[in-house]
């Protein structure tokens, strides 16, 4: 089992799980369903990544994380 660093936040009534390792996201009505959706997205991505050699696999930049978190802060204003 691979481990990924994930940020969870509530947005517009849904939970969003963001993987800091690859920028993939999952969304659900609760934290568990958001994480499950993220796990499915990661599994799907990795299955394609194994057969396609030209897919870029970046980690999330600090600027992208800041933008993700800024959306949460602006929604609470």
PDB file of N, CA and C in Angstrom:
ATOM      1  N   UNK A   1       0.834  -1.181   0.000  1.00  0.00           N
ATOM      2  CA  UNK A   1       0.000   0.000   0.000  1.00  0.00           C
ATOM      3  C   UNK A   1       0.879   1.245   0.000  1.00  0.00           C
ATOM      4  N   UNK A   2       0.635   2.126  -0.968  1.00  0.00           N
ATOM      5  CA  UNK A   2       1.364   3.388  -1.024  1.00  0.00           C
ATOM      6  C   UNK A   2       0.695   4.400  -0.109  1.00  0.00           C
ATOM      7  N   UNK A   3       1.500   5.273   0.466  1.00  0.00           N
ATOM      8  CA  UNK A   3       0.968   6.335   1.315  1.00  0.00           C
ATOM      9  C   UNK A   3       1.119   7.667   0.596  1.00  0.00           C
ATOM     10  N   UNK A   4       0.108   8.506   0.689  1.00  0.00           N
ATOM     11  CA  UNK A   4       0.120   9.816   0.066  1.00  0.00           C
ATOM     12  C   UNK A   4      -0.222  10.865   1.107  1.00  0.00           C
ATOM     13  N   UNK A   5       0.400  12.026   0.985  1.00  0.00           N
ATOM     14  CA  UNK A   5       0.078  13.137   1.852  1.00  0.00           C
ATOM     15  C   UNK A   5      -1.160  13.818   1.289  1.00  0.00           C
ATOM     16  N   UNK A   6      -2.185  13.966   2.128  1.00  0.00           N
ATOM     17  CA  UNK A   6      -3.475  14.450   1.659  1.00  0.00           C
ATOM     18  C   UNK A   6      -3.981  15.581   2.543  1.00  0.00           C
ATOM     19  N   UNK A   7      -4.589  16.578   1.906  1.00  0.00           N
ATOM     20  CA  UNK A   7      -5.239  17.672   2.617  1.00  0.00           C
ATOM     21  C   UNK A   7      -6.737  17.508   2.412  1.00  0.00           C
ATOM     22  N   UNK A   8      -7.483  17.584   3.492  1.00  0.00           N
ATOM     23  CA  UNK A   8      -8.950  17.502   3.438  1.00  0.00           C
ATOM     24  C   UNK A   8      -9.537  18.854   3.817  1.00  0.00           C
ATOM     25  N   UNK A   9     -10.557  19.266   3.082  1.00  0.00           N
ATOM     26  CA  UNK A   9     -11.262  20.488   3.459  1.00  0.00           C
ATOM     27  C   UNK A   9     -12.701  20.404   2.983  1.00  0.00           C
ATOM     28  N   UNK A  10     -13.559  21.150   3.643  1.00  0.00           N
ATOM     29  CA  UNK A  10     -14.968  21.187   3.254  1.00  0.00           C
ATOM     30  C   UNK A  10     -15.174  22.385   2.338  1.00  0.00           C
ATOM     31  N   UNK A  11     -15.883  22.163   1.240  1.00  0.00           N
ATOM     32  CA  UNK A  11     -16.131  23.219   0.266  1.00  0.00           C
ATOM     33  C   UNK A  11     -17.521  23.046  -0.316  1.00  0.00           C
ATOM     34  N   UNK A  12     -18.343  24.061  -0.177  1.00  0.00           N
ATOM     35  CA  UNK A  12     -19.699  24.064  -0.733  1.00  0.00           C
ATOM     36  C   UNK A  12     -20.494  22.827  -0.321  1.00  0.00           C
ATOM     37  N   UNK A  13     -20.352  22.423   0.931  1.00  0.00           N
ATOM     38  CA  UNK A  13     -21.119  21.296   1.436  1.00  0.00           C
ATOM     39  C   UNK A  13     -20.528  19.923   1.168  1.00  0.00           C
ATOM     40  N   UNK A  14     -19.413  19.866   0.465  1.00  0.00           N
ATOM     41  CA  UNK A  14     -18.750  18.597   0.156  1.00  0.00           C
ATOM     42  C   UNK A  14     -17.341  18.605   0.743  1.00  0.00           C
ATOM     43  N   UNK A  15     -16.807  17.421   0.949  1.00  0.00           N
ATOM     44  CA  UNK A  15     -15.418  17.286   1.380  1.00  0.00           C
ATOM     45  C   UNK A  15     -14.561  17.051   0.138  1.00  0.00           C
ATOM     46  N   UNK A  16     -13.395  17.697   0.124  1.00  0.00           N
ATOM     47  CA  UNK A  16     -12.449  17.552  -0.970  1.00  0.00           C
ATOM     48  C   UNK A  16     -11.146  17.019  -0.387  1.00  0.00           C
ATOM     49  N   UNK A  17     -10.620  15.955  -0.990  1.00  0.00           N
ATOM     50  CA  UNK A  17      -9.336  15.372  -0.589  1.00  0.00           C
ATOM     51  C   UNK A  17      -8.347  15.646  -1.712  1.00  0.00           C
ATOM     52  N   UNK A  18      -7.248  16.300  -1.400  1.00  0.00           N
ATOM     53  CA  UNK A  18      -6.219  16.668  -2.372  1.00  0.00           C
ATOM     54  C   UNK A  18      -4.931  15.951  -2.031  1.00  0.00           C
ATOM     55  N   UNK A  19      -4.375  15.217  -2.984  1.00  0.00           N
ATOM     56  CA  UNK A  19      -3.088  14.558  -2.791  1.00  0.00           C
ATOM     57  C   UNK A  19      -1.976  15.545  -3.104  1.00  0.00           C
ATOM     58  N   UNK A  20      -1.120  15.814  -2.126  1.00  0.00           N
ATOM     59  CA  UNK A  20      -0.004  16.722  -2.341  1.00  0.00           C
ATOM     60  C   UNK A  20       1.081  16.084  -3.204  1.00  0.00           C
ATOM     61  N   UNK A  21       1.061  14.771  -3.319  1.00  0.00           N
ATOM     62  CA  UNK A  21       2.085  14.068  -4.072  1.00  0.00           C
ATOM     63  C   UNK A  21       1.886  14.144  -5.577  1.00  0.00           C
ATOM     64  N   UNK A  22       0.611  14.284  -6.014  1.00  0.00           N
ATOM     65  CA  UNK A  22       0.374  14.253  -7.464  1.00  0.00           C
ATOM     66  C   UNK A  22      -0.725  15.202  -7.931  1.00  0.00           C
ATOM     67  N   UNK A  23      -1.354  15.930  -7.019  1.00  0.00           N
ATOM     68  CA  UNK A  23      -2.361  16.908  -7.405  1.00  0.00           C
ATOM     69  C   UNK A  23      -3.727  16.336  -7.730  1.00  0.00           C
ATOM     70  N   UNK A  24      -3.920  15.036  -7.546  1.00  0.00           N
ATOM     71  CA  UNK A  24      -5.225  14.429  -7.809  1.00  0.00           C
ATOM     72  C   UNK A  24      -6.183  14.744  -6.666  1.00  0.00           C
ATOM     73  N   UNK A  25      -7.474  14.785  -6.981  1.00  0.00           N
ATOM     74  CA  UNK A  25      -8.480  15.111  -5.969  1.00  0.00           C
ATOM     75  C   UNK A  25      -9.617  14.103  -5.970  1.00  0.00           C
ATOM     76  N   UNK A  26     -10.297  14.028  -4.845  1.00  0.00           N
ATOM     77  CA  UNK A  26     -11.525  13.256  -4.710  1.00  0.00           C
ATOM     78  C   UNK A  26     -12.516  14.107  -3.950  1.00  0.00           C
ATOM     79  N   UNK A  27     -13.789  13.907  -4.198  1.00  0.00           N
ATOM     80  CA  UNK A  27     -14.829  14.688  -3.544  1.00  0.00           C
ATOM     81  C   UNK A  27     -15.924  13.758  -3.047  1.00  0.00           C
ATOM     82  N   UNK A  28     -16.480  14.068  -1.877  1.00  0.00           N
ATOM     83  CA  UNK A  28     -17.555  13.251  -1.346  1.00  0.00           C
ATOM     84  C   UNK A  28     -18.372  14.002  -0.323  1.00  0.00           C
ATOM     85  N   UNK A  29     -19.452  13.366   0.136  1.00  0.00           N
ATOM     86  CA  UNK A  29     -20.332  14.015   1.104  1.00  0.00           C
ATOM     87  C   UNK A  29     -19.764  13.986   2.521  1.00  0.00           C
ATOM     88  N   UNK A  30     -18.746  13.132   2.722  1.00  0.00           N
ATOM     89  CA  UNK A  30     -18.046  13.105   4.004  1.00  0.00           C
ATOM     90  C   UNK A  30     -16.567  12.826   3.733  1.00  0.00           C
ATOM     91  N   UNK A  31     -15.745  12.890   4.778  1.00  0.00           N
ATOM     92  CA  UNK A  31     -14.307  12.719   4.611  1.00  0.00           C
ATOM     93  C   UNK A  31     -13.964  11.346   4.031  1.00  0.00           C
ATOM     94  N   UNK A  32     -14.625  10.318   4.532  1.00  0.00           N
ATOM     95  CA  UNK A  32     -14.343   8.957   4.074  1.00  0.00           C
ATOM     96  C   UNK A  32     -14.631   8.794   2.578  1.00  0.00           C
ATOM     97  N   UNK A  33     -15.760   9.328   2.123  1.00  0.00           N
ATOM     98  CA  UNK A  33     -16.084   9.173   0.702  1.00  0.00           C
ATOM     99  C   UNK A  33     -15.140  10.002  -0.167  1.00  0.00           C
ATOM    100  N   UNK A  34     -14.695  11.149   0.310  1.00  0.00           N
ATOM    101  CA  UNK A  34     -13.724  11.951  -0.442  1.00  0.00           C
ATOM    102  C   UNK A  34     -12.401  11.200  -0.566  1.00  0.00           C
ATOM    103  N   UNK A  35     -11.971  10.571   0.510  1.00  0.00           N
ATOM    104  CA  UNK A  35     -10.718   9.796   0.475  1.00  0.00           C
ATOM    105  C   UNK A  35     -10.878   8.584  -0.436  1.00  0.00           C
ATOM    106  N   UNK A  36     -12.026   7.918  -0.388  1.00  0.00           N
ATOM    107  CA  UNK A  36     -12.269   6.776  -1.279  1.00  0.00           C
ATOM    108  C   UNK A  36     -12.221   7.206  -2.741  1.00  0.00           C
ATOM    109  N   UNK A  37     -12.820   8.349  -3.057  1.00  0.00           N
ATOM    110  CA  UNK A  37     -12.788   8.857  -4.428  1.00  0.00           C
ATOM    111  C   UNK A  37     -11.355   9.199  -4.844  1.00  0.00           C
ATOM    112  N   UNK A  38     -10.582   9.769  -3.920  1.00  0.00           N
ATOM    113  CA  UNK A  38      -9.178  10.070  -4.205  1.00  0.00           C
ATOM    114  C   UNK A  38      -8.405   8.789  -4.458  1.00  0.00           C
ATOM    115  N   UNK A  39      -8.640   7.768  -3.644  1.00  0.00           N
ATOM    116  CA  UNK A  39      -7.962   6.481  -3.848  1.00  0.00           C
ATOM    117  C   UNK A  39      -8.280   5.899  -5.221  1.00  0.00           C
ATOM    118  N   UNK A  40      -9.540   6.015  -5.650  1.00  0.00           N
ATOM    119  CA  UNK A  40      -9.917   5.527  -6.979  1.00  0.00           C
ATOM    120  C   UNK A  40      -9.222   6.329  -8.079  1.00  0.00           C
ATOM    121  N   UNK A  41      -9.134   7.640  -7.900  1.00  0.00           N
ATOM    122  CA  UNK A  41      -8.454   8.485  -8.887  1.00  0.00           C
ATOM    123  C   UNK A  41      -6.976   8.128  -8.987  1.00  0.00           C
ATOM    124  N   UNK A  42      -6.345   7.896  -7.846  1.00  0.00           N
ATOM    125  CA  UNK A  42      -4.922   7.529  -7.834  1.00  0.00           C
ATOM    126  C   UNK A  42      -4.728   6.172  -8.508  1.00  0.00           C
ATOM    127  N   UNK A  43      -5.568   5.196  -8.189  1.00  0.00           N
ATOM    128  CA  UNK A  43      -5.454   3.868  -8.792  1.00  0.00           C
ATOM    129  C   UNK A  43      -5.633   3.949 -10.308  1.00  0.00           C
ATOM    130  N   UNK A  44      -6.599   4.735 -10.746  1.00  0.00           N
ATOM    131  CA  UNK A  44      -6.833   4.895 -12.177  1.00  0.00           C
ATOM    132  C   UNK A  44      -5.638   5.553 -12.855  1.00  0.00           C
ATOM    133  N   UNK A  45      -5.130   6.610 -12.233  1.00  0.00           N
ATOM    134  CA  UNK A  45      -3.967   7.297 -12.787  1.00  0.00           C
ATOM    135  C   UNK A  45      -2.762   6.363 -12.870  1.00  0.00           C
ATOM    136  N   UNK A  46      -2.512   5.610 -11.800  1.00  0.00           N
ATOM    137  CA  UNK A  46      -1.342   4.727 -11.775  1.00  0.00           C
ATOM    138  C   UNK A  46      -1.442   3.613 -12.805  1.00  0.00           C
ATOM    139  N   UNK A  47      -2.645   3.134 -13.074  1.00  0.00           N
ATOM    140  CA  UNK A  47      -2.791   2.082 -14.088  1.00  0.00           C
ATOM    141  C   UNK A  47      -2.417   2.621 -15.469  1.00  0.00           C
ATOM    142  N   UNK A  48      -2.746   3.860 -15.756  1.00  0.00           N
ATOM    143  CA  UNK A  48      -2.362   4.471 -17.029  1.00  0.00           C
ATOM    144  C   UNK A  48      -0.880   4.831 -17.007  1.00  0.00           C
ATOM    145  N   UNK A  49      -0.398   5.341 -15.880  1.00  0.00           N
ATOM    146  CA  UNK A  49       1.002   5.759 -15.743  1.00  0.00           C
ATOM    147  C   UNK A  49       1.962   4.602 -16.010  1.00  0.00           C
ATOM    148  N   UNK A  50       1.567   3.387 -15.627  1.00  0.00           N
ATOM    149  CA  UNK A  50       2.437   2.216 -15.823  1.00  0.00           C
ATOM    150  C   UNK A  50       2.610   1.852 -17.289  1.00  0.00           C
ATOM    151  N   UNK A  51       1.617   2.161 -18.137  1.00  0.00           N
ATOM    152  CA  UNK A  51       1.716   1.775 -19.547  1.00  0.00           C
ATOM    153  C   UNK A  51       2.063   2.945 -20.476  1.00  0.00           C
ATOM    154  N   UNK A  52       1.922   4.167 -19.996  1.00  0.00           N
ATOM    155  CA  UNK A  52       2.237   5.355 -20.796  1.00  0.00           C
ATOM    156  C   UNK A  52       3.497   6.003 -20.234  1.00  0.00           C
ATOM    157  N   UNK A  53       4.564   5.986 -20.994  1.00  0.00           N
ATOM    158  CA  UNK A  53       5.844   6.475 -20.486  1.00  0.00           C
ATOM    159  C   UNK A  53       5.970   8.000 -20.517  1.00  0.00           C
ATOM    160  N   UNK A  54       5.107   8.688 -21.235  1.00  0.00           N
ATOM    161  CA  UNK A  54       5.270  10.133 -21.366  1.00  0.00           C
ATOM    162  C   UNK A  54       4.318  10.952 -20.485  1.00  0.00           C
ATOM    163  N   UNK A  55       3.738  10.347 -19.457  1.00  0.00           N
ATOM    164  CA  UNK A  55       2.849  11.065 -18.542  1.00  0.00           C
ATOM    165  C   UNK A  55       3.689  11.710 -17.444  1.00  0.00           C
ATOM    166  N   UNK A  56       3.472  12.995 -17.249  1.00  0.00           N
ATOM    167  CA  UNK A  56       4.184  13.744 -16.223  1.00  0.00           C
ATOM    168  C   UNK A  56       3.551  13.477 -14.863  1.00  0.00           C
ATOM    169  N   UNK A  57       4.352  13.225 -13.857  1.00  0.00           N
ATOM    170  CA  UNK A  57       3.873  12.868 -12.516  1.00  0.00           C
ATOM    171  C   UNK A  57       4.453  13.865 -11.505  1.00  0.00           C
ATOM    172  N   UNK A  58       3.911  15.079 -11.471  1.00  0.00           N
ATOM    173  CA  UNK A  58       4.492  16.093 -10.582  1.00  0.00           C
ATOM    174  C   UNK A  58       3.923  16.035  -9.177  1.00  0.00           C
ATOM    175  N   UNK A  59       4.700  16.525  -8.238  1.00  0.00           N
ATOM    176  CA  UNK A  59       4.125  16.770  -6.916  1.00  0.00           C
ATOM    177  C   UNK A  59       3.514  18.166  -6.954  1.00  0.00           C
ATOM    178  N   UNK A  60       2.671  18.463  -6.010  1.00  0.00           N
ATOM    179  CA  UNK A  60       2.002  19.756  -5.961  1.00  0.00           C
ATOM    180  C   UNK A  60       2.982  20.811  -5.471  1.00  0.00           C
ATOM    181  N   UNK A  61       2.977  21.971  -6.107  1.00  0.00           N
ATOM    182  CA  UNK A  61       3.858  23.056  -5.668  1.00  0.00           C
ATOM    183  C   UNK A  61       3.242  23.785  -4.484  1.00  0.00           C
ATOM    184  N   UNK A  62       4.048  24.531  -3.780  1.00  0.00           N
ATOM    185  CA  UNK A  62       3.565  25.336  -2.663  1.00  0.00           C
ATOM    186  C   UNK A  62       2.534  26.353  -3.154  1.00  0.00           C
ATOM    187  N   UNK A  63       2.753  26.913  -4.336  1.00  0.00           N
ATOM    188  CA  UNK A  63       1.821  27.891  -4.892  1.00  0.00           C
ATOM    189  C   UNK A  63       0.453  27.262  -5.163  1.00  0.00           C
ATOM    190  N   UNK A  64       0.445  26.042  -5.690  1.00  0.00           N
ATOM    191  CA  UNK A  64      -0.821  25.352  -5.946  1.00  0.00           C
ATOM    192  C   UNK A  64      -1.543  25.013  -4.648  1.00  0.00           C
ATOM    193  N   UNK A  65      -0.787  24.605  -3.632  1.00  0.00           N
ATOM    194  CA  UNK A  65      -1.391  24.324  -2.330  1.00  0.00           C
ATOM    195  C   UNK A  65      -1.966  25.603  -1.731  1.00  0.00           C
ATOM    196  N   UNK A  66      -1.234  26.701  -1.848  1.00  0.00           N
ATOM    197  CA  UNK A  66      -1.707  27.981  -1.342  1.00  0.00           C
ATOM    198  C   UNK A  66      -3.008  28.383  -2.031  1.00  0.00           C
ATOM    199  N   UNK A  67      -3.100  28.163  -3.348  1.00  0.00           N
ATOM    200  CA  UNK A  67      -4.319  28.480  -4.087  1.00  0.00           C
ATOM    201  C   UNK A  67      -5.483  27.602  -3.621  1.00  0.00           C
ATOM    202  N   UNK A  68      -5.219  26.312  -3.407  1.00  0.00           N
ATOM    203  CA  UNK A  68      -6.246  25.379  -2.918  1.00  0.00           C
ATOM    204  C   UNK A  68      -6.776  25.829  -1.564  1.00  0.00           C
ATOM    205  N   UNK A  69      -5.887  26.213  -0.683  1.00  0.00           N
ATOM    206  CA  UNK A  69      -6.295  26.640   0.652  1.00  0.00           C
ATOM    207  C   UNK A  69      -6.934  28.025   0.628  1.00  0.00           C
ATOM    208  N   UNK A  70      -6.539  28.890  -0.294  1.00  0.00           N
ATOM    209  CA  UNK A  70      -7.110  30.231  -0.394  1.00  0.00           C
ATOM    210  C   UNK A  70      -8.580  30.152  -0.786  1.00  0.00           C
ATOM    211  N   UNK A  71      -8.951  29.190  -1.595  1.00  0.00           N
ATOM    212  CA  UNK A  71     -10.355  29.021  -1.992  1.00  0.00           C
ATOM    213  C   UNK A  71     -11.199  28.759  -0.748  1.00  0.00           C
ATOM    214  N   UNK A  72     -10.676  27.932   0.145  1.00  0.00           N
ATOM    215  CA  UNK A  72     -11.399  27.643   1.387  1.00  0.00           C
ATOM    216  C   UNK A  72     -11.575  28.909   2.217  1.00  0.00           C
ATOM    217  N   UNK A  73     -10.530  29.692   2.327  1.00  0.00           N
ATOM    218  CA  UNK A  73     -10.605  30.908   3.136  1.00  0.00           C
ATOM    219  C   UNK A  73     -11.548  31.939   2.530  1.00  0.00           C
ATOM    220  N   UNK A  74     -11.571  32.050   1.222  1.00  0.00           N
ATOM    221  CA  UNK A  74     -12.452  33.041   0.597  1.00  0.00           C
ATOM    222  C   UNK A  74     -13.918  32.636   0.707  1.00  0.00           C
ATOM    223  N   UNK A  75     -14.200  31.337   0.781  1.00  0.00           N
ATOM    224  CA  UNK A  75     -15.585  30.863   0.914  1.00  0.00           C
ATOM    225  C   UNK A  75     -16.148  31.150   2.296  1.00  0.00           C
ATOM    226  N   UNK A  76     -15.263  31.253   3.288  1.00  0.00           N
ATOM    227  CA  UNK A  76     -15.753  31.472   4.652  1.00  0.00           C
ATOM    228  C   UNK A  76     -15.971  32.947   4.966  1.00  0.00           C
ATOM    229  N   UNK A  77     -15.602  33.835   4.033  1.00  0.00           N
ATOM    230  CA  UNK A  77     -15.791  35.276   4.284  1.00  0.00           C
ATOM    231  C   UNK A  77     -17.220  35.709   4.114  1.00  0.00           C
TER     232      UNK A  77
END
